[in-house]
């Protein structure tokens, strides 16, 4: 009969690797969204967004001045919420 691995250190290493993989994936996705909104919409795509008006100004200018900040704040709250959920999933919550 094959002996099943019950080594607790191996389980912790697997769980730790999964936890950090999920954490790094979430950080990369958040940074890509933030870069797209702040640099992409506010600078690179501004001429394409110039015809769309929001609050009396064009959408590209709005993203550069306010939209990127609001998206950044939303990403902070999303990251905190998702990390709390991930911590509970892996049993490392406070």
PDB file of N, CA and C in Angstrom:
ATOM      1  N   UNK A   1       0.834  -1.173   0.000  1.00  0.00           N
ATOM      2  CA  UNK A   1       0.000   0.000   0.000  1.00  0.00           C
ATOM      3  C   UNK A   1       0.882   1.241   0.000  1.00  0.00           C
ATOM      4  N   UNK A   2       0.570   2.177  -0.885  1.00  0.00           N
ATOM      5  CA  UNK A   2       1.363   3.396  -1.000  1.00  0.00           C
ATOM      6  C   UNK A   2       1.097   4.295   0.195  1.00  0.00           C
ATOM      7  N   UNK A   3       2.180   4.806   0.748  1.00  0.00           N
ATOM      8  CA  UNK A   3       2.048   5.674   1.911  1.00  0.00           C
ATOM      9  C   UNK A   3       1.698   7.087   1.468  1.00  0.00           C
ATOM     10  N   UNK A   4       0.653   7.634   2.044  1.00  0.00           N
ATOM     11  CA  UNK A   4       0.195   8.973   1.695  1.00  0.00           C
ATOM     12  C   UNK A   4       1.015   9.995   2.472  1.00  0.00           C
ATOM     13  N   UNK A   5       1.364  11.087   1.795  1.00  0.00           N
ATOM     14  CA  UNK A   5       2.178  12.124   2.421  1.00  0.00           C
ATOM     15  C   UNK A   5       1.337  12.901   3.436  1.00  0.00           C
ATOM     16  N   UNK A   6       1.705  12.786   4.695  1.00  0.00           N
ATOM     17  CA  UNK A   6       1.012  13.513   5.762  1.00  0.00           C
ATOM     18  C   UNK A   6       1.958  14.479   6.454  1.00  0.00           C
ATOM     19  N   UNK A   7       3.048  14.813   5.793  1.00  0.00           N
ATOM     20  CA  UNK A   7       4.022  15.710   6.355  1.00  0.00           C
ATOM     21  C   UNK A   7       3.422  17.115   6.442  1.00  0.00           C
ATOM     22  N   UNK A   8       3.248  17.665   7.644  1.00  0.00           N
ATOM     23  CA  UNK A   8       2.631  18.995   7.769  1.00  0.00           C
ATOM     24  C   UNK A   8       3.481  20.095   7.137  1.00  0.00           C
ATOM     25  N   UNK A   9       4.821  19.912   7.118  1.00  0.00           N
ATOM     26  CA  UNK A   9       5.681  20.929   6.504  1.00  0.00           C
ATOM     27  C   UNK A   9       5.447  21.018   5.000  1.00  0.00           C
ATOM     28  N   UNK A  10       5.204  19.891   4.347  1.00  0.00           N
ATOM     29  CA  UNK A  10       4.931  19.887   2.915  1.00  0.00           C
ATOM     30  C   UNK A  10       3.607  20.584   2.624  1.00  0.00           C
ATOM     31  N   UNK A  11       2.594  20.366   3.484  1.00  0.00           N
ATOM     32  CA  UNK A  11       1.299  21.028   3.292  1.00  0.00           C
ATOM     33  C   UNK A  11       1.429  22.534   3.473  1.00  0.00           C
ATOM     34  N   UNK A  12       2.185  22.956   4.469  1.00  0.00           N
ATOM     35  CA  UNK A  12       2.390  24.389   4.701  1.00  0.00           C
ATOM     36  C   UNK A  12       3.115  25.018   3.513  1.00  0.00           C
ATOM     37  N   UNK A  13       4.106  24.317   2.967  1.00  0.00           N
ATOM     38  CA  UNK A  13       4.838  24.847   1.815  1.00  0.00           C
ATOM     39  C   UNK A  13       3.923  24.972   0.603  1.00  0.00           C
ATOM     40  N   UNK A  14       3.056  23.968   0.366  1.00  0.00           N
ATOM     41  CA  UNK A  14       2.115  24.043  -0.756  1.00  0.00           C
ATOM     42  C   UNK A  14       1.128  25.182  -0.542  1.00  0.00           C
ATOM     43  N   UNK A  15       0.587  25.287   0.675  1.00  0.00           N
ATOM     44  CA  UNK A  15      -0.362  26.360   0.974  1.00  0.00           C
ATOM     45  C   UNK A  15       0.302  27.727   0.869  1.00  0.00           C
ATOM     46  N   UNK A  16       1.536  27.829   1.346  1.00  0.00           N
ATOM     47  CA  UNK A  16       2.262  29.098   1.269  1.00  0.00           C
ATOM     48  C   UNK A  16       2.515  29.510  -0.169  1.00  0.00           C
ATOM     49  N   UNK A  17       2.880  28.537  -1.003  1.00  0.00           N
ATOM     50  CA  UNK A  17       3.126  28.835  -2.417  1.00  0.00           C
ATOM     51  C   UNK A  17       1.832  29.267  -3.104  1.00  0.00           C
ATOM     52  N   UNK A  18       0.718  28.613  -2.789  1.00  0.00           N
ATOM     53  CA  UNK A  18      -0.570  28.988  -3.372  1.00  0.00           C
ATOM     54  C   UNK A  18      -1.028  30.362  -2.913  1.00  0.00           C
ATOM     55  N   UNK A  19      -0.799  30.651  -1.637  1.00  0.00           N
ATOM     56  CA  UNK A  19      -1.167  31.945  -1.077  1.00  0.00           C
ATOM     57  C   UNK A  19      -0.402  33.070  -1.770  1.00  0.00           C
ATOM     58  N   UNK A  20       0.921  32.901  -1.897  1.00  0.00           N
ATOM     59  CA  UNK A  20       1.719  33.952  -2.512  1.00  0.00           C
ATOM     60  C   UNK A  20       1.467  34.055  -4.004  1.00  0.00           C
ATOM     61  N   UNK A  21       1.176  32.955  -4.665  1.00  0.00           N
ATOM     62  CA  UNK A  21       0.841  33.013  -6.093  1.00  0.00           C
ATOM     63  C   UNK A  21      -0.443  33.817  -6.295  1.00  0.00           C
ATOM     64  N   UNK A  22      -1.449  33.584  -5.455  1.00  0.00           N
ATOM     65  CA  UNK A  22      -2.711  34.322  -5.543  1.00  0.00           C
ATOM     66  C   UNK A  22      -2.490  35.801  -5.213  1.00  0.00           C
ATOM     67  N   UNK A  23      -1.655  36.075  -4.227  1.00  0.00           N
ATOM     68  CA  UNK A  23      -1.366  37.453  -3.826  1.00  0.00           C
ATOM     69  C   UNK A  23      -0.644  38.198  -4.944  1.00  0.00           C
ATOM     70  N   UNK A  24       0.381  37.604  -5.514  1.00  0.00           N
ATOM     71  CA  UNK A  24       1.137  38.246  -6.593  1.00  0.00           C
ATOM     72  C   UNK A  24       0.261  38.441  -7.822  1.00  0.00           C
ATOM     73  N   UNK A  25      -0.585  37.461  -8.139  1.00  0.00           N
ATOM     74  CA  UNK A  25      -1.495  37.594  -9.281  1.00  0.00           C
ATOM     75  C   UNK A  25      -2.437  38.782  -9.076  1.00  0.00           C
ATOM     76  N   UNK A  26      -2.956  38.932  -7.858  1.00  0.00           N
ATOM     77  CA  UNK A  26      -3.856  40.044  -7.559  1.00  0.00           C
ATOM     78  C   UNK A  26      -3.123  41.390  -7.650  1.00  0.00           C
ATOM     79  N   UNK A  27      -1.895  41.448  -7.198  1.00  0.00           N
ATOM     80  CA  UNK A  27      -1.106  42.681  -7.278  1.00  0.00           C
ATOM     81  C   UNK A  27      -0.843  43.052  -8.730  1.00  0.00           C
ATOM     82  N   UNK A  28      -0.469  42.076  -9.547  1.00  0.00           N
ATOM     83  CA  UNK A  28      -0.179  42.354 -10.961  1.00  0.00           C
ATOM     84  C   UNK A  28      -1.429  42.846 -11.686  1.00  0.00           C
ATOM     85  N   UNK A  29      -2.563  42.196 -11.449  1.00  0.00           N
ATOM     86  CA  UNK A  29      -3.811  42.628 -12.093  1.00  0.00           C
ATOM     87  C   UNK A  29      -4.177  44.042 -11.664  1.00  0.00           C
ATOM     88  N   UNK A  30      -4.030  44.345 -10.375  1.00  0.00           N
ATOM     89  CA  UNK A  30      -4.340  45.691  -9.879  1.00  0.00           C
ATOM     90  C   UNK A  30      -3.418  46.742 -10.495  1.00  0.00           C
ATOM     91  N   UNK A  31      -2.141  46.428 -10.609  1.00  0.00           N
ATOM     92  CA  UNK A  31      -1.202  47.379 -11.202  1.00  0.00           C
ATOM     93  C   UNK A  31      -1.472  47.598 -12.684  1.00  0.00           C
ATOM     94  N   UNK A  32      -1.862  46.549 -13.395  1.00  0.00           N
ATOM     95  CA  UNK A  32      -2.191  46.696 -14.815  1.00  0.00           C
ATOM     96  C   UNK A  32      -3.417  47.593 -14.987  1.00  0.00           C
ATOM     97  N   UNK A  33      -4.434  47.383 -14.158  1.00  0.00           N
ATOM     98  CA  UNK A  33      -5.635  48.221 -14.225  1.00  0.00           C
ATOM     99  C   UNK A  33      -5.280  49.672 -13.911  1.00  0.00           C
ATOM    100  N   UNK A  34      -4.498  49.886 -12.878  1.00  0.00           N
ATOM    101  CA  UNK A  34      -4.114  51.238 -12.490  1.00  0.00           C
ATOM    102  C   UNK A  34      -3.302  51.919 -13.594  1.00  0.00           C
ATOM    103  N   UNK A  35      -2.343  51.195 -14.195  1.00  0.00           N
ATOM    104  CA  UNK A  35      -1.530  51.766 -15.269  1.00  0.00           C
ATOM    105  C   UNK A  35      -2.385  52.073 -16.493  1.00  0.00           C
ATOM    106  N   UNK A  36      -3.307  51.195 -16.826  1.00  0.00           N
ATOM    107  CA  UNK A  36      -4.175  51.422 -17.977  1.00  0.00           C
ATOM    108  C   UNK A  36      -5.024  52.670 -17.780  1.00  0.00           C
ATOM    109  N   UNK A  37      -5.582  52.811 -16.591  1.00  0.00           N
ATOM    110  CA  UNK A  37      -6.455  53.956 -16.330  1.00  0.00           C
ATOM    111  C   UNK A  37      -5.654  55.254 -16.228  1.00  0.00           C
ATOM    112  N   UNK A  38      -4.583  55.260 -15.456  1.00  0.00           N
ATOM    113  CA  UNK A  38      -3.858  56.519 -15.239  1.00  0.00           C
ATOM    114  C   UNK A  38      -2.979  56.890 -16.427  1.00  0.00           C
ATOM    115  N   UNK A  39      -2.176  55.979 -16.917  1.00  0.00           N
ATOM    116  CA  UNK A  39      -1.264  56.290 -18.014  1.00  0.00           C
ATOM    117  C   UNK A  39      -1.950  56.136 -19.366  1.00  0.00           C
ATOM    118  N   UNK A  40      -2.716  55.050 -19.516  1.00  0.00           N
ATOM    119  CA  UNK A  40      -3.371  54.791 -20.800  1.00  0.00           C
ATOM    120  C   UNK A  40      -4.469  55.775 -21.114  1.00  0.00           C
ATOM    121  N   UNK A  41      -5.477  55.856 -20.260  1.00  0.00           N
ATOM    122  CA  UNK A  41      -6.623  56.743 -20.521  1.00  0.00           C
ATOM    123  C   UNK A  41      -6.260  58.212 -20.345  1.00  0.00           C
ATOM    124  N   UNK A  42      -5.433  58.523 -19.367  1.00  0.00           N
ATOM    125  CA  UNK A  42      -5.108  59.918 -19.074  1.00  0.00           C
ATOM    126  C   UNK A  42      -4.087  60.526 -20.004  1.00  0.00           C
ATOM    127  N   UNK A  43      -3.191  59.715 -20.597  1.00  0.00           N
ATOM    128  CA  UNK A  43      -2.118  60.266 -21.432  1.00  0.00           C
ATOM    129  C   UNK A  43      -2.166  59.719 -22.857  1.00  0.00           C
ATOM    130  N   UNK A  44      -2.034  58.407 -22.998  1.00  0.00           N
ATOM    131  CA  UNK A  44      -1.921  57.819 -24.336  1.00  0.00           C
ATOM    132  C   UNK A  44      -3.209  57.887 -25.150  1.00  0.00           C
ATOM    133  N   UNK A  45      -4.326  57.606 -24.510  1.00  0.00           N
ATOM    134  CA  UNK A  45      -5.601  57.564 -25.231  1.00  0.00           C
ATOM    135  C   UNK A  45      -6.388  58.873 -25.114  1.00  0.00           C
ATOM    136  N   UNK A  46      -5.765  59.904 -24.578  1.00  0.00           N
ATOM    137  CA  UNK A  46      -6.477  61.165 -24.387  1.00  0.00           C
ATOM    138  C   UNK A  46      -7.026  61.749 -25.688  1.00  0.00           C
ATOM    139  N   UNK A  47      -6.276  61.743 -26.782  1.00  0.00           N
ATOM    140  CA  UNK A  47      -6.856  62.284 -28.028  1.00  0.00           C
ATOM    141  C   UNK A  47      -8.096  61.517 -28.489  1.00  0.00           C
ATOM    142  N   UNK A  48      -8.143  60.223 -28.258  1.00  0.00           N
ATOM    143  CA  UNK A  48      -9.321  59.438 -28.648  1.00  0.00           C
ATOM    144  C   UNK A  48     -10.522  59.733 -27.754  1.00  0.00           C
ATOM    145  N   UNK A  49     -10.256  60.104 -26.506  1.00  0.00           N
ATOM    146  CA  UNK A  49     -11.328  60.370 -25.547  1.00  0.00           C
ATOM    147  C   UNK A  49     -11.739  61.840 -25.518  1.00  0.00           C
ATOM    148  N   UNK A  50     -11.107  62.676 -26.340  1.00  0.00           N
ATOM    149  CA  UNK A  50     -11.349  64.122 -26.309  1.00  0.00           C
ATOM    150  C   UNK A  50     -12.771  64.491 -26.708  1.00  0.00           C
ATOM    151  N   UNK A  51     -13.417  63.696 -27.539  1.00  0.00           N
ATOM    152  CA  UNK A  51     -14.767  64.039 -27.989  1.00  0.00           C
ATOM    153  C   UNK A  51     -15.858  63.709 -26.996  1.00  0.00           C
ATOM    154  N   UNK A  52     -15.543  62.933 -25.971  1.00  0.00           N
ATOM    155  CA  UNK A  52     -16.541  62.519 -24.975  1.00  0.00           C
ATOM    156  C   UNK A  52     -16.464  63.471 -23.788  1.00  0.00           C
ATOM    157  N   UNK A  53     -17.580  64.141 -23.487  1.00  0.00           N
ATOM    158  CA  UNK A  53     -17.576  65.110 -22.389  1.00  0.00           C
ATOM    159  C   UNK A  53     -18.119  64.514 -21.094  1.00  0.00           C
ATOM    160  N   UNK A  54     -17.436  64.836 -20.000  1.00  0.00           N
ATOM    161  CA  UNK A  54     -17.856  64.442 -18.658  1.00  0.00           C
ATOM    162  C   UNK A  54     -17.696  65.657 -17.764  1.00  0.00           C
ATOM    163  N   UNK A  55     -18.788  66.144 -17.228  1.00  0.00           N
ATOM    164  CA  UNK A  55     -18.733  67.282 -16.309  1.00  0.00           C
ATOM    165  C   UNK A  55     -18.158  68.542 -16.926  1.00  0.00           C
ATOM    166  N   UNK A  56     -18.369  68.759 -18.204  1.00  0.00           N
ATOM    167  CA  UNK A  56     -17.894  69.974 -18.852  1.00  0.00           C
ATOM    168  C   UNK A  56     -16.487  69.885 -19.403  1.00  0.00           C
ATOM    169  N   UNK A  57     -15.841  68.755 -19.293  1.00  0.00           N
ATOM    170  CA  UNK A  57     -14.490  68.586 -19.833  1.00  0.00           C
ATOM    171  C   UNK A  57     -14.410  67.245 -20.563  1.00  0.00           C
ATOM    172  N   UNK A  58     -13.339  67.044 -21.313  1.00  0.00           N
ATOM    173  CA  UNK A  58     -13.248  65.787 -22.055  1.00  0.00           C
ATOM    174  C   UNK A  58     -12.857  64.627 -21.132  1.00  0.00           C
ATOM    175  N   UNK A  59     -13.190  63.425 -21.558  1.00  0.00           N
ATOM    176  CA  UNK A  59     -13.003  62.223 -20.732  1.00  0.00           C
ATOM    177  C   UNK A  59     -11.531  61.952 -20.433  1.00  0.00           C
ATOM    178  N   UNK A  60     -10.635  62.204 -21.386  1.00  0.00           N
ATOM    179  CA  UNK A  60      -9.202  61.997 -21.155  1.00  0.00           C
ATOM    180  C   UNK A  60      -8.680  62.882 -20.038  1.00  0.00           C
ATOM    181  N   UNK A  61      -9.080  64.148 -20.049  1.00  0.00           N
ATOM    182  CA  UNK A  61      -8.672  65.073 -18.981  1.00  0.00           C
ATOM    183  C   UNK A  61      -9.265  64.634 -17.643  1.00  0.00           C
ATOM    184  N   UNK A  62     -10.534  64.179 -17.659  1.00  0.00           N
ATOM    185  CA  UNK A  62     -11.170  63.716 -16.423  1.00  0.00           C
ATOM    186  C   UNK A  62     -10.419  62.539 -15.829  1.00  0.00           C
ATOM    187  N   UNK A  63     -10.010  61.572 -16.688  1.00  0.00           N
ATOM    188  CA  UNK A  63      -9.240  60.432 -16.184  1.00  0.00           C
ATOM    189  C   UNK A  63      -7.900  60.877 -15.614  1.00  0.00           C
ATOM    190  N   UNK A  64      -7.256  61.825 -16.274  1.00  0.00           N
ATOM    191  CA  UNK A  64      -5.956  62.295 -15.799  1.00  0.00           C
ATOM    192  C   UNK A  64      -6.077  63.013 -14.460  1.00  0.00           C
ATOM    193  N   UNK A  65      -7.168  63.762 -14.255  1.00  0.00           N
ATOM    194  CA  UNK A  65      -7.307  64.567 -13.052  1.00  0.00           C
ATOM    195  C   UNK A  65      -8.040  63.865 -11.913  1.00  0.00           C
ATOM    196  N   UNK A  66      -9.098  63.119 -12.222  1.00  0.00           N
ATOM    197  CA  UNK A  66      -9.921  62.546 -11.158  1.00  0.00           C
ATOM    198  C   UNK A  66     -10.122  61.048 -11.292  1.00  0.00           C
ATOM    199  N   UNK A  67     -10.315  60.582 -12.504  1.00  0.00           N
ATOM    200  CA  UNK A  67     -10.657  59.183 -12.721  1.00  0.00           C
ATOM    201  C   UNK A  67      -9.598  58.221 -12.232  1.00  0.00           C
ATOM    202  N   UNK A  68      -8.331  58.542 -12.483  1.00  0.00           N
ATOM    203  CA  UNK A  68      -7.272  57.634 -12.048  1.00  0.00           C
ATOM    204  C   UNK A  68      -7.188  57.572 -10.522  1.00  0.00           C
ATOM    205  N   UNK A  69      -7.450  58.686  -9.857  1.00  0.00           N
ATOM    206  CA  UNK A  69      -7.427  58.696  -8.396  1.00  0.00           C
ATOM    207  C   UNK A  69      -8.584  57.865  -7.842  1.00  0.00           C
ATOM    208  N   UNK A  70      -9.762  58.017  -8.428  1.00  0.00           N
ATOM    209  CA  UNK A  70     -10.924  57.239  -7.962  1.00  0.00           C
ATOM    210  C   UNK A  70     -10.728  55.746  -8.212  1.00  0.00           C
ATOM    211  N   UNK A  71     -10.163  55.396  -9.361  1.00  0.00           N
ATOM    212  CA  UNK A  71      -9.889  53.985  -9.647  1.00  0.00           C
ATOM    213  C   UNK A  71      -8.842  53.455  -8.682  1.00  0.00           C
ATOM    214  N   UNK A  72      -7.827  54.254  -8.377  1.00  0.00           N
ATOM    215  CA  UNK A  72      -6.804  53.837  -7.419  1.00  0.00           C
ATOM    216  C   UNK A  72      -7.413  53.578  -6.039  1.00  0.00           C
ATOM    217  N   UNK A  73      -8.294  54.459  -5.593  1.00  0.00           N
ATOM    218  CA  UNK A  73      -8.961  54.245  -4.300  1.00  0.00           C
ATOM    219  C   UNK A  73      -9.831  52.988  -4.323  1.00  0.00           C
ATOM    220  N   UNK A  74     -10.544  52.772  -5.422  1.00  0.00           N
ATOM    221  CA  UNK A  74     -11.363  51.562  -5.556  1.00  0.00           C
ATOM    222  C   UNK A  74     -10.486  50.314  -5.528  1.00  0.00           C
ATOM    223  N   UNK A  75      -9.316  50.378  -6.162  1.00  0.00           N
ATOM    224  CA  UNK A  75      -8.402  49.237  -6.150  1.00  0.00           C
ATOM    225  C   UNK A  75      -7.867  48.961  -4.748  1.00  0.00           C
ATOM    226  N   UNK A  76      -7.625  49.998  -3.973  1.00  0.00           N
ATOM    227  CA  UNK A  76      -7.156  49.809  -2.591  1.00  0.00           C
ATOM    228  C   UNK A  76      -8.209  49.070  -1.776  1.00  0.00           C
ATOM    229  N   UNK A  77      -9.471  49.499  -1.877  1.00  0.00           N
ATOM    230  CA  UNK A  77     -10.532  48.839  -1.119  1.00  0.00           C
ATOM    231  C   UNK A  77     -10.764  47.415  -1.618  1.00  0.00           C
ATOM    232  N   UNK A  78     -10.697  47.206  -2.932  1.00  0.00           N
ATOM    233  CA  UNK A  78     -10.848  45.866  -3.486  1.00  0.00           C
ATOM    234  C   UNK A  78      -9.728  44.950  -2.999  1.00  0.00           C
ATOM    235  N   UNK A  79      -8.487  45.449  -3.021  1.00  0.00           N
ATOM    236  CA  UNK A  79      -7.349  44.645  -2.584  1.00  0.00           C
ATOM    237  C   UNK A  79      -7.478  44.261  -1.110  1.00  0.00           C
ATOM    238  N   UNK A  80      -7.870  45.212  -0.275  1.00  0.00           N
ATOM    239  CA  UNK A  80      -8.034  44.924   1.157  1.00  0.00           C
ATOM    240  C   UNK A  80      -9.131  43.886   1.376  1.00  0.00           C
ATOM    241  N   UNK A  81     -10.261  44.035   0.689  1.00  0.00           N
ATOM    242  CA  UNK A  81     -11.362  43.077   0.821  1.00  0.00           C
ATOM    243  C   UNK A  81     -10.935  41.696   0.351  1.00  0.00           C
ATOM    244  N   UNK A  82     -10.278  41.636  -0.820  1.00  0.00           N
ATOM    245  CA  UNK A  82      -9.882  40.353  -1.388  1.00  0.00           C
ATOM    246  C   UNK A  82      -8.789  39.694  -0.563  1.00  0.00           C
ATOM    247  N   UNK A  83      -7.864  40.465  -0.001  1.00  0.00           N
ATOM    248  CA  UNK A  83      -6.809  39.894   0.843  1.00  0.00           C
ATOM    249  C   UNK A  83      -7.382  39.333   2.133  1.00  0.00           C
ATOM    250  N   UNK A  84      -8.378  39.996   2.713  1.00  0.00           N
ATOM    251  CA  UNK A  84      -9.030  39.433   3.896  1.00  0.00           C
ATOM    252  C   UNK A  84      -9.673  38.098   3.575  1.00  0.00           C
ATOM    253  N   UNK A  85     -10.313  38.023   2.419  1.00  0.00           N
ATOM    254  CA  UNK A  85     -10.938  36.775   1.983  1.00  0.00           C
ATOM    255  C   UNK A  85      -9.881  35.687   1.727  1.00  0.00           C
ATOM    256  N   UNK A  86      -8.775  36.071   1.099  1.00  0.00           N
ATOM    257  CA  UNK A  86      -7.692  35.131   0.825  1.00  0.00           C
ATOM    258  C   UNK A  86      -7.030  34.667   2.119  1.00  0.00           C
ATOM    259  N   UNK A  87      -6.843  35.574   3.079  1.00  0.00           N
ATOM    260  CA  UNK A  87      -6.275  35.212   4.372  1.00  0.00           C
ATOM    261  C   UNK A  87      -7.151  34.166   5.082  1.00  0.00           C
ATOM    262  N   UNK A  88      -8.452  34.358   5.059  1.00  0.00           N
ATOM    263  CA  UNK A  88      -9.353  33.391   5.684  1.00  0.00           C
ATOM    264  C   UNK A  88      -9.301  32.041   4.972  1.00  0.00           C
ATOM    265  N   UNK A  89      -9.193  32.095   3.638  1.00  0.00           N
ATOM    266  CA  UNK A  89      -9.143  30.864   2.847  1.00  0.00           C
ATOM    267  C   UNK A  89      -7.915  30.026   3.189  1.00  0.00           C
ATOM    268  N   UNK A  90      -6.775  30.674   3.440  1.00  0.00           N
ATOM    269  CA  UNK A  90      -5.540  29.967   3.750  1.00  0.00           C
ATOM    270  C   UNK A  90      -5.264  29.893   5.254  1.00  0.00           C
ATOM    271  N   UNK A  91      -6.164  30.393   6.069  1.00  0.00           N
ATOM    272  CA  UNK A  91      -6.029  30.275   7.514  1.00  0.00           C
ATOM    273  C   UNK A  91      -4.948  31.150   8.119  1.00  0.00           C
ATOM    274  N   UNK A  92      -4.698  32.304   7.541  1.00  0.00           N
ATOM    275  CA  UNK A  92      -3.677  33.209   8.089  1.00  0.00           C
ATOM    276  C   UNK A  92      -4.288  34.553   8.492  1.00  0.00           C
ATOM    277  N   UNK A  93      -5.607  34.575   8.732  1.00  0.00           N
ATOM    278  CA  UNK A  93      -6.239  35.840   9.108  1.00  0.00           C
ATOM    279  C   UNK A  93      -5.793  36.263  10.499  1.00  0.00           C
ATOM    280  N   UNK A  94      -5.962  37.544  10.743  1.00  0.00           N
ATOM    281  CA  UNK A  94      -5.543  38.107  12.035  1.00  0.00           C
ATOM    282  C   UNK A  94      -6.479  37.730  13.131  1.00  0.00           C
TER     283      UNK A  94
END
